[in-house]
Amino acid sequence: MKVTKTKIDGVLMLEPKIFGDERGFFCESFNQRAFLKQTGIDAVFVQDNQSHSVQGVLRGLHYQVKQPQGKLVRVVHGKIFDVVVDLRPDSPMFGKWESFELSEENHHQLWIPPGLAHGFLTLSETADVLYKTTDYYAPEHERALFWNDSEIAIEWPLDQVGEVKLSEKDRQGIAWRETVTLL
């Protein structure tokens, strides 16, 4: 597995070794010992989640004010534009965002440490996203940062999807200025 640091401290791009031939491919998507050895992160995952989305679905930007979750995200079918926003007030990247393309073709995985908001836009006709979390989902502590907040100014590739499809919860996201007061 190749591990690459990103602009936001603690966010890591993981590239598993792919063994492929005319029959298809094999990869080890997660190994606790290898993850610890190569990242130095002793994460304990307590929950696995899967989402299936059609093109244009935008999920996020989600975070929890208590019980923040570290996430290991990968795409097993399709392609997404994945985004993290640093919500850690003591971070030099506080309020900054970074994006990544995750797909079934590139097999990349993204480690997102606790303290970041996370969301993605489905670029392909459909996408299946799997992610492991380091804490349990706590709906009473979940919040959504508004996906197109002008202060964060994420450059979503909207020209690739047509209409953005949001859940009611994500339509009710809160602005960056309000988010800061909740941290």
N, C-alpha and C. Protein backbone atom coordinates (compact mmCIF):
# COMPACT_ATOMS: atom_id res chain seq x y z
N MET A 1 0.85 -1.18 0.00
CA MET A 1 0.00 0.00 0.00
C MET A 1 0.89 1.24 0.00
N LYS A 2 0.56 2.15 -0.89
CA LYS A 2 1.26 3.43 -0.95
C LYS A 2 0.44 4.45 -0.16
N VAL A 3 1.09 5.21 0.70
CA VAL A 3 0.44 6.22 1.53
C VAL A 3 0.99 7.58 1.15
N THR A 4 0.09 8.52 0.83
CA THR A 4 0.50 9.87 0.44
C THR A 4 -0.18 10.88 1.36
N LYS A 5 0.65 11.78 1.93
CA LYS A 5 0.09 12.88 2.74
C LYS A 5 -0.55 13.89 1.80
N THR A 6 -1.55 14.59 2.30
CA THR A 6 -2.24 15.61 1.51
C THR A 6 -1.99 16.98 2.13
N LYS A 7 -2.60 18.02 1.58
CA LYS A 7 -2.41 19.37 2.11
C LYS A 7 -2.94 19.52 3.53
N ILE A 8 -4.03 18.83 3.84
CA ILE A 8 -4.63 18.94 5.17
C ILE A 8 -4.00 17.88 6.07
N ASP A 9 -3.43 18.33 7.18
CA ASP A 9 -2.73 17.45 8.10
C ASP A 9 -3.61 16.29 8.55
N GLY A 10 -3.06 15.09 8.42
CA GLY A 10 -3.76 13.90 8.88
C GLY A 10 -4.57 13.21 7.81
N VAL A 11 -4.94 13.92 6.74
CA VAL A 11 -5.68 13.29 5.64
C VAL A 11 -4.67 12.55 4.78
N LEU A 12 -4.96 11.28 4.50
CA LEU A 12 -4.03 10.44 3.75
C LEU A 12 -4.73 9.77 2.57
N MET A 13 -4.03 9.72 1.45
CA MET A 13 -4.49 8.95 0.29
C MET A 13 -3.78 7.61 0.34
N LEU A 14 -4.57 6.54 0.29
CA LEU A 14 -4.03 5.19 0.35
C LEU A 14 -4.27 4.51 -0.99
N GLU A 15 -3.24 3.90 -1.51
CA GLU A 15 -3.33 3.18 -2.79
C GLU A 15 -2.94 1.73 -2.55
N PRO A 16 -3.92 0.84 -2.47
CA PRO A 16 -3.58 -0.57 -2.25
C PRO A 16 -2.91 -1.17 -3.48
N LYS A 17 -2.15 -2.24 -3.24
CA LYS A 17 -1.55 -2.97 -4.36
C LYS A 17 -2.66 -3.77 -5.05
N ILE A 18 -2.70 -3.66 -6.37
CA ILE A 18 -3.70 -4.35 -7.17
C ILE A 18 -3.00 -5.47 -7.93
N PHE A 19 -3.54 -6.66 -7.82
CA PHE A 19 -3.00 -7.81 -8.55
C PHE A 19 -4.06 -8.20 -9.58
N GLY A 20 -3.77 -7.92 -10.84
CA GLY A 20 -4.76 -8.16 -11.88
C GLY A 20 -4.22 -8.95 -13.05
N ASP A 21 -5.14 -9.62 -13.71
CA ASP A 21 -4.83 -10.32 -14.95
C ASP A 21 -6.12 -10.40 -15.77
N GLU A 22 -6.14 -11.25 -16.78
CA GLU A 22 -7.32 -11.33 -17.65
C GLU A 22 -8.58 -11.77 -16.92
N ARG A 23 -8.45 -12.35 -15.73
CA ARG A 23 -9.61 -12.80 -14.95
C ARG A 23 -10.25 -11.68 -14.15
N GLY A 24 -9.49 -10.63 -13.89
CA GLY A 24 -9.97 -9.55 -13.03
C GLY A 24 -8.85 -9.07 -12.13
N PHE A 25 -9.16 -8.78 -10.87
CA PHE A 25 -8.13 -8.30 -9.96
C PHE A 25 -8.43 -8.74 -8.54
N PHE A 26 -7.40 -8.61 -7.70
CA PHE A 26 -7.51 -8.83 -6.26
C PHE A 26 -6.76 -7.71 -5.58
N CYS A 27 -7.32 -7.23 -4.47
CA CYS A 27 -6.58 -6.29 -3.62
C CYS A 27 -7.02 -6.51 -2.18
N GLU A 28 -6.10 -6.26 -1.29
CA GLU A 28 -6.43 -6.29 0.13
C GLU A 28 -6.88 -4.87 0.48
N SER A 29 -8.17 -4.69 0.74
CA SER A 29 -8.69 -3.34 0.94
C SER A 29 -8.37 -2.79 2.33
N PHE A 30 -8.16 -3.67 3.31
CA PHE A 30 -7.78 -3.19 4.64
C PHE A 30 -7.07 -4.28 5.40
N ASN A 31 -6.00 -3.89 6.08
CA ASN A 31 -5.25 -4.78 6.96
C ASN A 31 -4.81 -3.92 8.14
N GLN A 32 -5.29 -4.24 9.33
CA GLN A 32 -5.02 -3.42 10.52
C GLN A 32 -3.52 -3.24 10.78
N ARG A 33 -2.75 -4.31 10.68
CA ARG A 33 -1.30 -4.23 10.93
C ARG A 33 -0.62 -3.32 9.91
N ALA A 34 -0.94 -3.52 8.64
CA ALA A 34 -0.33 -2.71 7.58
C ALA A 34 -0.74 -1.24 7.71
N PHE A 35 -1.99 -1.00 8.04
CA PHE A 35 -2.47 0.38 8.21
C PHE A 35 -1.69 1.07 9.32
N LEU A 36 -1.55 0.42 10.46
CA LEU A 36 -0.80 0.99 11.59
C LEU A 36 0.66 1.21 11.21
N LYS A 37 1.28 0.22 10.61
CA LYS A 37 2.70 0.31 10.26
C LYS A 37 2.97 1.43 9.27
N GLN A 38 2.11 1.59 8.28
CA GLN A 38 2.38 2.56 7.22
C GLN A 38 1.85 3.96 7.50
N THR A 39 0.88 4.08 8.41
CA THR A 39 0.32 5.40 8.71
C THR A 39 0.66 5.89 10.11
N GLY A 40 0.96 4.94 11.02
CA GLY A 40 1.16 5.31 12.42
C GLY A 40 -0.15 5.55 13.15
N ILE A 41 -1.26 5.25 12.50
CA ILE A 41 -2.59 5.49 13.08
C ILE A 41 -3.14 4.17 13.61
N ASP A 42 -3.42 4.15 14.89
CA ASP A 42 -3.96 2.95 15.54
C ASP A 42 -5.48 3.07 15.62
N ALA A 43 -6.11 3.15 14.47
CA ALA A 43 -7.56 3.33 14.41
C ALA A 43 -8.28 2.02 14.72
N VAL A 44 -9.35 2.15 15.47
CA VAL A 44 -10.24 1.01 15.70
C VAL A 44 -11.55 1.36 15.02
N PHE A 45 -11.93 0.56 14.04
CA PHE A 45 -13.16 0.82 13.30
C PHE A 45 -14.31 0.07 13.95
N VAL A 46 -15.41 0.79 14.18
CA VAL A 46 -16.55 0.21 14.90
C VAL A 46 -17.79 0.07 14.03
N GLN A 47 -17.75 0.65 12.84
CA GLN A 47 -18.94 0.64 11.99
C GLN A 47 -18.52 0.71 10.53
N ASP A 48 -19.16 -0.08 9.68
CA ASP A 48 -18.98 0.00 8.23
C ASP A 48 -20.29 0.51 7.63
N ASN A 49 -20.18 1.43 6.69
CA ASN A 49 -21.35 2.01 6.03
C ASN A 49 -21.20 1.89 4.52
N GLN A 50 -22.33 1.84 3.84
CA GLN A 50 -22.35 1.81 2.38
C GLN A 50 -23.45 2.73 1.90
N SER A 51 -23.13 3.48 0.85
CA SER A 51 -24.17 4.28 0.20
C SER A 51 -24.17 3.95 -1.29
N HIS A 52 -25.34 4.03 -1.88
CA HIS A 52 -25.51 3.88 -3.32
C HIS A 52 -26.17 5.17 -3.78
N SER A 53 -25.58 5.81 -4.77
CA SER A 53 -26.08 7.11 -5.23
C SER A 53 -26.11 7.15 -6.74
N VAL A 54 -27.05 7.92 -7.26
CA VAL A 54 -27.11 8.17 -8.70
C VAL A 54 -26.34 9.45 -9.02
N GLN A 55 -26.05 9.64 -10.29
CA GLN A 55 -25.28 10.80 -10.72
C GLN A 55 -25.93 12.09 -10.23
N GLY A 56 -25.11 12.99 -9.72
CA GLY A 56 -25.59 14.29 -9.25
C GLY A 56 -25.93 14.31 -7.78
N VAL A 57 -25.98 13.15 -7.12
CA VAL A 57 -26.25 13.14 -5.68
C VAL A 57 -25.05 13.73 -4.96
N LEU A 58 -25.32 14.69 -4.10
CA LEU A 58 -24.29 15.29 -3.27
C LEU A 58 -24.66 14.98 -1.82
N ARG A 59 -23.78 14.27 -1.14
CA ARG A 59 -23.98 13.92 0.27
C ARG A 59 -22.97 14.71 1.09
N GLY A 60 -23.48 15.47 2.05
CA GLY A 60 -22.57 16.22 2.92
C GLY A 60 -22.82 17.70 2.85
N LEU A 61 -22.01 18.34 3.51
CA LEU A 61 -20.76 18.04 4.18
C LEU A 61 -21.05 17.70 5.65
N HIS A 62 -20.88 16.46 6.04
CA HIS A 62 -21.30 15.98 7.34
C HIS A 62 -20.16 15.94 8.35
N TYR A 63 -20.53 16.20 9.61
CA TYR A 63 -19.60 16.06 10.73
C TYR A 63 -20.42 15.87 12.00
N GLN A 64 -19.76 15.44 13.07
CA GLN A 64 -20.44 15.27 14.36
C GLN A 64 -19.75 16.18 15.38
N VAL A 65 -20.55 16.95 16.13
CA VAL A 65 -19.98 17.86 17.13
C VAL A 65 -19.49 17.11 18.36
N LYS A 66 -20.04 15.97 18.64
CA LYS A 66 -19.54 15.05 19.67
C LYS A 66 -19.41 13.70 18.98
N GLN A 67 -18.52 12.86 19.51
CA GLN A 67 -18.24 11.57 18.89
C GLN A 67 -17.80 11.73 17.44
N PRO A 68 -16.82 12.62 17.17
CA PRO A 68 -16.36 12.79 15.78
C PRO A 68 -15.78 11.48 15.26
N GLN A 69 -15.99 11.25 14.00
CA GLN A 69 -15.59 10.00 13.38
C GLN A 69 -14.39 10.18 12.46
N GLY A 70 -13.41 9.29 12.62
CA GLY A 70 -12.41 9.11 11.58
C GLY A 70 -13.05 8.20 10.54
N LYS A 71 -12.74 8.40 9.27
CA LYS A 71 -13.35 7.59 8.21
C LYS A 71 -12.30 7.10 7.23
N LEU A 72 -12.47 5.87 6.79
CA LEU A 72 -11.67 5.31 5.71
C LEU A 72 -12.65 5.04 4.57
N VAL A 73 -12.54 5.83 3.50
CA VAL A 73 -13.54 5.88 2.43
C VAL A 73 -12.97 5.26 1.15
N ARG A 74 -13.80 4.47 0.47
CA ARG A 74 -13.42 3.93 -0.84
C ARG A 74 -14.66 3.75 -1.70
N VAL A 75 -14.43 3.70 -2.99
CA VAL A 75 -15.51 3.50 -3.96
C VAL A 75 -15.33 2.13 -4.59
N VAL A 76 -16.38 1.31 -4.54
CA VAL A 76 -16.29 -0.02 -5.16
C VAL A 76 -16.98 -0.07 -6.52
N HIS A 77 -17.78 0.93 -6.80
CA HIS A 77 -18.42 1.03 -8.12
C HIS A 77 -18.64 2.51 -8.42
N GLY A 78 -18.22 2.95 -9.60
CA GLY A 78 -18.47 4.32 -10.02
C GLY A 78 -17.33 5.26 -9.68
N LYS A 79 -17.67 6.56 -9.63
CA LYS A 79 -16.67 7.61 -9.42
C LYS A 79 -17.30 8.76 -8.65
N ILE A 80 -16.55 9.29 -7.66
CA ILE A 80 -17.04 10.43 -6.89
C ILE A 80 -15.97 11.51 -6.80
N PHE A 81 -16.43 12.73 -6.53
CA PHE A 81 -15.59 13.87 -6.19
C PHE A 81 -15.74 14.00 -4.69
N ASP A 82 -14.70 13.62 -3.96
CA ASP A 82 -14.75 13.55 -2.50
C ASP A 82 -14.12 14.80 -1.90
N VAL A 83 -14.75 15.37 -0.87
CA VAL A 83 -14.29 16.63 -0.29
C VAL A 83 -14.21 16.53 1.23
N VAL A 84 -13.13 17.11 1.78
CA VAL A 84 -13.01 17.27 3.22
C VAL A 84 -12.79 18.74 3.53
N VAL A 85 -13.34 19.18 4.67
CA VAL A 85 -13.14 20.55 5.15
C VAL A 85 -12.61 20.44 6.57
N ASP A 86 -11.51 21.13 6.85
CA ASP A 86 -10.88 21.07 8.17
C ASP A 86 -11.66 21.93 9.15
N LEU A 87 -12.20 21.27 10.18
CA LEU A 87 -12.98 21.97 11.21
C LEU A 87 -12.23 22.07 12.54
N ARG A 88 -10.95 21.78 12.52
CA ARG A 88 -10.15 21.81 13.75
C ARG A 88 -9.60 23.22 13.96
N PRO A 89 -10.13 23.96 14.96
CA PRO A 89 -9.73 25.37 15.15
C PRO A 89 -8.23 25.58 15.31
N ASP A 90 -7.50 24.60 15.83
CA ASP A 90 -6.06 24.75 16.04
C ASP A 90 -5.23 24.35 14.81
N SER A 91 -5.88 23.97 13.74
CA SER A 91 -5.18 23.55 12.53
C SER A 91 -4.85 24.74 11.64
N PRO A 92 -3.67 24.75 11.03
CA PRO A 92 -3.34 25.83 10.08
C PRO A 92 -4.25 25.80 8.84
N MET A 93 -4.93 24.68 8.61
CA MET A 93 -5.83 24.56 7.46
C MET A 93 -7.30 24.74 7.86
N PHE A 94 -7.54 25.26 9.06
CA PHE A 94 -8.91 25.49 9.55
C PHE A 94 -9.72 26.26 8.51
N GLY A 95 -10.86 25.67 8.13
CA GLY A 95 -11.74 26.32 7.16
C GLY A 95 -11.35 26.09 5.71
N LYS A 96 -10.30 25.33 5.48
CA LYS A 96 -9.86 25.04 4.11
C LYS A 96 -10.39 23.67 3.68
N TRP A 97 -10.48 23.50 2.38
CA TRP A 97 -10.99 22.24 1.83
C TRP A 97 -9.97 21.64 0.87
N GLU A 98 -10.16 20.34 0.66
CA GLU A 98 -9.35 19.61 -0.30
C GLU A 98 -10.25 18.57 -0.95
N SER A 99 -9.98 18.28 -2.22
CA SER A 99 -10.83 17.32 -2.94
C SER A 99 -9.98 16.21 -3.55
N PHE A 100 -10.67 15.09 -3.81
CA PHE A 100 -10.03 13.89 -4.34
C PHE A 100 -11.03 13.18 -5.24
N GLU A 101 -10.51 12.52 -6.27
CA GLU A 101 -11.37 11.65 -7.08
C GLU A 101 -11.14 10.22 -6.62
N LEU A 102 -12.19 9.58 -6.19
CA LEU A 102 -12.14 8.18 -5.81
C LEU A 102 -13.00 7.41 -6.79
N SER A 103 -12.49 6.27 -7.26
CA SER A 103 -13.25 5.52 -8.25
C SER A 103 -12.93 4.03 -8.17
N GLU A 104 -13.78 3.26 -8.83
CA GLU A 104 -13.51 1.82 -8.92
C GLU A 104 -12.27 1.56 -9.76
N GLU A 105 -11.91 2.48 -10.65
CA GLU A 105 -10.73 2.30 -11.48
C GLU A 105 -9.44 2.55 -10.71
N ASN A 106 -9.40 3.62 -9.91
CA ASN A 106 -8.13 3.94 -9.26
C ASN A 106 -7.95 3.23 -7.91
N HIS A 107 -9.01 2.68 -7.34
CA HIS A 107 -8.96 1.92 -6.09
C HIS A 107 -8.42 2.72 -4.91
N HIS A 108 -8.33 4.02 -5.03
CA HIS A 108 -7.79 4.83 -3.94
C HIS A 108 -8.75 4.84 -2.76
N GLN A 109 -8.16 4.98 -1.58
CA GLN A 109 -8.93 5.12 -0.36
C GLN A 109 -8.48 6.40 0.33
N LEU A 110 -9.38 7.00 1.08
CA LEU A 110 -9.06 8.25 1.76
C LEU A 110 -9.25 8.07 3.25
N TRP A 111 -8.19 8.35 4.02
CA TRP A 111 -8.29 8.38 5.48
C TRP A 111 -8.60 9.82 5.88
N ILE A 112 -9.72 10.00 6.58
CA ILE A 112 -10.16 11.31 7.05
C ILE A 112 -10.18 11.26 8.57
N PRO A 113 -9.28 11.99 9.23
CA PRO A 113 -9.25 11.93 10.68
C PRO A 113 -10.47 12.62 11.31
N PRO A 114 -10.75 12.33 12.57
CA PRO A 114 -11.84 13.04 13.25
C PRO A 114 -11.58 14.55 13.21
N GLY A 115 -12.66 15.32 13.14
CA GLY A 115 -12.53 16.77 13.16
C GLY A 115 -12.66 17.42 11.80
N LEU A 116 -13.03 16.65 10.79
CA LEU A 116 -13.22 17.20 9.46
C LEU A 116 -14.64 16.94 8.99
N ALA A 117 -15.17 17.85 8.20
CA ALA A 117 -16.45 17.61 7.53
C ALA A 117 -16.14 16.84 6.25
N HIS A 118 -17.09 16.00 5.84
CA HIS A 118 -16.87 15.15 4.67
C HIS A 118 -18.12 15.13 3.80
N GLY A 119 -17.90 15.11 2.50
CA GLY A 119 -19.01 14.97 1.57
C GLY A 119 -18.50 14.54 0.21
N PHE A 120 -19.43 14.17 -0.65
CA PHE A 120 -19.02 13.79 -2.01
C PHE A 120 -20.14 14.03 -2.99
N LEU A 121 -19.74 14.19 -4.25
CA LEU A 121 -20.64 14.36 -5.38
C LEU A 121 -20.44 13.17 -6.30
N THR A 122 -21.54 12.51 -6.68
CA THR A 122 -21.47 11.34 -7.55
C THR A 122 -21.30 11.80 -9.00
N LEU A 123 -20.19 11.41 -9.61
CA LEU A 123 -19.88 11.81 -10.98
C LEU A 123 -20.34 10.80 -12.02
N SER A 124 -20.35 9.53 -11.66
CA SER A 124 -20.73 8.47 -12.60
C SER A 124 -22.25 8.25 -12.55
N GLU A 125 -22.75 7.42 -13.44
CA GLU A 125 -24.19 7.13 -13.49
C GLU A 125 -24.70 6.66 -12.13
N THR A 126 -23.93 5.80 -11.47
CA THR A 126 -24.20 5.39 -10.08
C THR A 126 -22.85 5.20 -9.40
N ALA A 127 -22.86 5.21 -8.08
CA ALA A 127 -21.64 4.95 -7.30
C ALA A 127 -22.00 4.28 -5.99
N ASP A 128 -21.17 3.31 -5.63
CA ASP A 128 -21.28 2.64 -4.34
C ASP A 128 -20.05 3.00 -3.53
N VAL A 129 -20.28 3.63 -2.39
CA VAL A 129 -19.21 4.10 -1.52
C VAL A 129 -19.26 3.31 -0.22
N LEU A 130 -18.11 2.78 0.19
CA LEU A 130 -17.99 2.07 1.46
C LEU A 130 -17.08 2.88 2.36
N TYR A 131 -17.44 2.98 3.63
CA TYR A 131 -16.52 3.64 4.55
C TYR A 131 -16.64 3.06 5.95
N LYS A 132 -15.48 2.96 6.57
CA LYS A 132 -15.34 2.49 7.93
C LYS A 132 -15.28 3.74 8.82
N THR A 133 -15.84 3.64 10.04
CA THR A 133 -15.77 4.78 10.96
C THR A 133 -15.19 4.35 12.31
N THR A 134 -14.55 5.31 12.97
CA THR A 134 -13.92 5.05 14.26
C THR A 134 -14.85 5.31 15.44
N ASP A 135 -16.02 5.83 15.19
CA ASP A 135 -17.02 5.99 16.25
C ASP A 135 -18.39 5.76 15.63
N TYR A 136 -19.34 5.52 16.49
CA TYR A 136 -20.69 5.21 16.03
C TYR A 136 -21.41 6.46 15.55
N TYR A 137 -22.31 6.26 14.62
CA TYR A 137 -23.16 7.35 14.13
C TYR A 137 -24.04 7.83 15.28
N ALA A 138 -24.04 9.12 15.52
CA ALA A 138 -24.84 9.72 16.59
C ALA A 138 -25.67 10.84 15.98
N PRO A 139 -26.90 10.53 15.53
CA PRO A 139 -27.69 11.55 14.82
C PRO A 139 -27.92 12.83 15.62
N GLU A 140 -27.96 12.71 16.94
CA GLU A 140 -28.18 13.90 17.77
C GLU A 140 -26.98 14.86 17.73
N HIS A 141 -25.82 14.37 17.30
CA HIS A 141 -24.61 15.19 17.23
C HIS A 141 -24.20 15.52 15.80
N GLU A 142 -24.95 15.01 14.83
CA GLU A 142 -24.58 15.24 13.43
C GLU A 142 -25.01 16.63 12.97
N ARG A 143 -24.16 17.22 12.17
CA ARG A 143 -24.46 18.51 11.56
C ARG A 143 -24.04 18.42 10.09
N ALA A 144 -24.54 19.37 9.30
CA ALA A 144 -24.15 19.47 7.89
C ALA A 144 -23.75 20.90 7.60
N LEU A 145 -22.52 21.06 7.16
CA LEU A 145 -22.04 22.34 6.67
C LEU A 145 -22.61 22.49 5.26
N PHE A 146 -23.17 23.65 4.96
CA PHE A 146 -23.81 23.86 3.67
C PHE A 146 -22.80 23.65 2.55
N TRP A 147 -23.14 22.79 1.61
CA TRP A 147 -22.23 22.31 0.57
C TRP A 147 -21.68 23.41 -0.33
N ASN A 148 -22.43 24.49 -0.52
CA ASN A 148 -21.93 25.55 -1.40
C ASN A 148 -21.78 26.88 -0.66
N ASP A 149 -21.35 26.80 0.58
CA ASP A 149 -21.09 28.01 1.37
C ASP A 149 -20.04 28.87 0.66
N SER A 150 -20.34 30.14 0.50
CA SER A 150 -19.45 31.03 -0.27
C SER A 150 -18.13 31.29 0.43
N GLU A 151 -18.07 31.19 1.75
CA GLU A 151 -16.80 31.41 2.45
C GLU A 151 -15.84 30.22 2.28
N ILE A 152 -16.38 29.02 2.22
CA ILE A 152 -15.55 27.84 2.00
C ILE A 152 -15.20 27.75 0.51
N ALA A 153 -16.16 28.03 -0.35
CA ALA A 153 -15.96 28.14 -1.80
C ALA A 153 -15.37 26.88 -2.44
N ILE A 154 -16.01 25.76 -2.20
CA ILE A 154 -15.58 24.50 -2.83
C ILE A 154 -15.87 24.57 -4.32
N GLU A 155 -14.92 24.15 -5.12
CA GLU A 155 -15.08 24.15 -6.57
C GLU A 155 -15.60 22.78 -7.02
N TRP A 156 -16.90 22.57 -6.80
CA TRP A 156 -17.53 21.31 -7.20
C TRP A 156 -17.58 21.23 -8.73
N PRO A 157 -17.34 20.07 -9.32
CA PRO A 157 -17.40 19.92 -10.78
C PRO A 157 -18.85 19.73 -11.26
N LEU A 158 -19.66 20.74 -11.06
CA LEU A 158 -21.09 20.64 -11.36
C LEU A 158 -21.36 20.46 -12.84
N ASP A 159 -20.44 20.91 -13.68
CA ASP A 159 -20.62 20.75 -15.13
C ASP A 159 -20.61 19.28 -15.55
N GLN A 160 -20.16 18.40 -14.68
CA GLN A 160 -20.11 16.97 -15.00
C GLN A 160 -21.37 16.22 -14.61
N VAL A 161 -22.29 16.88 -13.88
CA VAL A 161 -23.43 16.13 -13.34
C VAL A 161 -24.81 16.68 -13.66
N GLY A 162 -24.90 17.88 -14.13
CA GLY A 162 -26.23 18.44 -14.33
C GLY A 162 -26.80 18.91 -13.00
N GLU A 163 -28.00 18.47 -12.70
CA GLU A 163 -28.67 18.90 -11.47
C GLU A 163 -28.11 18.21 -10.24
N VAL A 164 -27.86 19.01 -9.18
CA VAL A 164 -27.42 18.46 -7.90
C VAL A 164 -28.64 17.97 -7.14
N LYS A 165 -28.53 16.74 -6.60
CA LYS A 165 -29.62 16.13 -5.84
C LYS A 165 -29.20 16.05 -4.38
N LEU A 166 -29.97 16.71 -3.51
CA LEU A 166 -29.66 16.78 -2.08
C LEU A 166 -30.76 16.17 -1.24
N SER A 167 -30.40 15.61 -0.10
CA SER A 167 -31.40 15.18 0.88
C SER A 167 -31.95 16.43 1.56
N GLU A 168 -33.07 16.28 2.22
CA GLU A 168 -33.63 17.40 2.97
C GLU A 168 -32.66 17.86 4.05
N LYS A 169 -32.00 16.91 4.71
CA LYS A 169 -31.02 17.25 5.75
C LYS A 169 -29.91 18.12 5.18
N ASP A 170 -29.42 17.78 3.99
CA ASP A 170 -28.32 18.55 3.41
C ASP A 170 -28.79 19.90 2.86
N ARG A 171 -30.05 19.98 2.47
CA ARG A 171 -30.60 21.29 2.07
C ARG A 171 -30.63 22.25 3.26
N GLN A 172 -30.73 21.68 4.46
CA GLN A 172 -30.81 22.47 5.68
C GLN A 172 -29.44 22.70 6.31
N GLY A 173 -28.38 22.47 5.56
CA GLY A 173 -27.03 22.67 6.08
C GLY A 173 -26.86 24.08 6.62
N ILE A 174 -25.86 24.23 7.48
CA ILE A 174 -25.64 25.55 8.08
C ILE A 174 -24.40 26.20 7.48
N ALA A 175 -24.36 27.50 7.55
CA ALA A 175 -23.26 28.28 6.97
C ALA A 175 -21.99 28.11 7.79
N TRP A 176 -20.85 28.40 7.15
CA TRP A 176 -19.56 28.30 7.80
C TRP A 176 -19.52 29.14 9.08
N ARG A 177 -20.00 30.37 9.03
CA ARG A 177 -19.95 31.26 10.21
C ARG A 177 -20.69 30.65 11.40
N GLU A 178 -21.81 29.98 11.15
CA GLU A 178 -22.55 29.33 12.21
C GLU A 178 -21.84 28.06 12.66
N THR A 179 -21.27 27.34 11.73
CA THR A 179 -20.54 26.10 12.05
C THR A 179 -19.42 26.39 13.04
N VAL A 180 -18.69 27.47 12.81
CA VAL A 180 -17.56 27.83 13.67
C VAL A 180 -18.02 27.99 15.11
N THR A 181 -19.21 28.51 15.34
CA THR A 181 -19.69 28.73 16.71
C THR A 181 -20.03 27.42 17.41
N LEU A 182 -20.23 26.33 16.65
CA LEU A 182 -20.60 25.04 17.23
C LEU A 182 -19.39 24.18 17.59
N LEU A 183 -18.23 24.55 17.12
CA LEU A 183 -17.04 23.72 17.32
C LEU A 183 -16.44 23.86 18.70
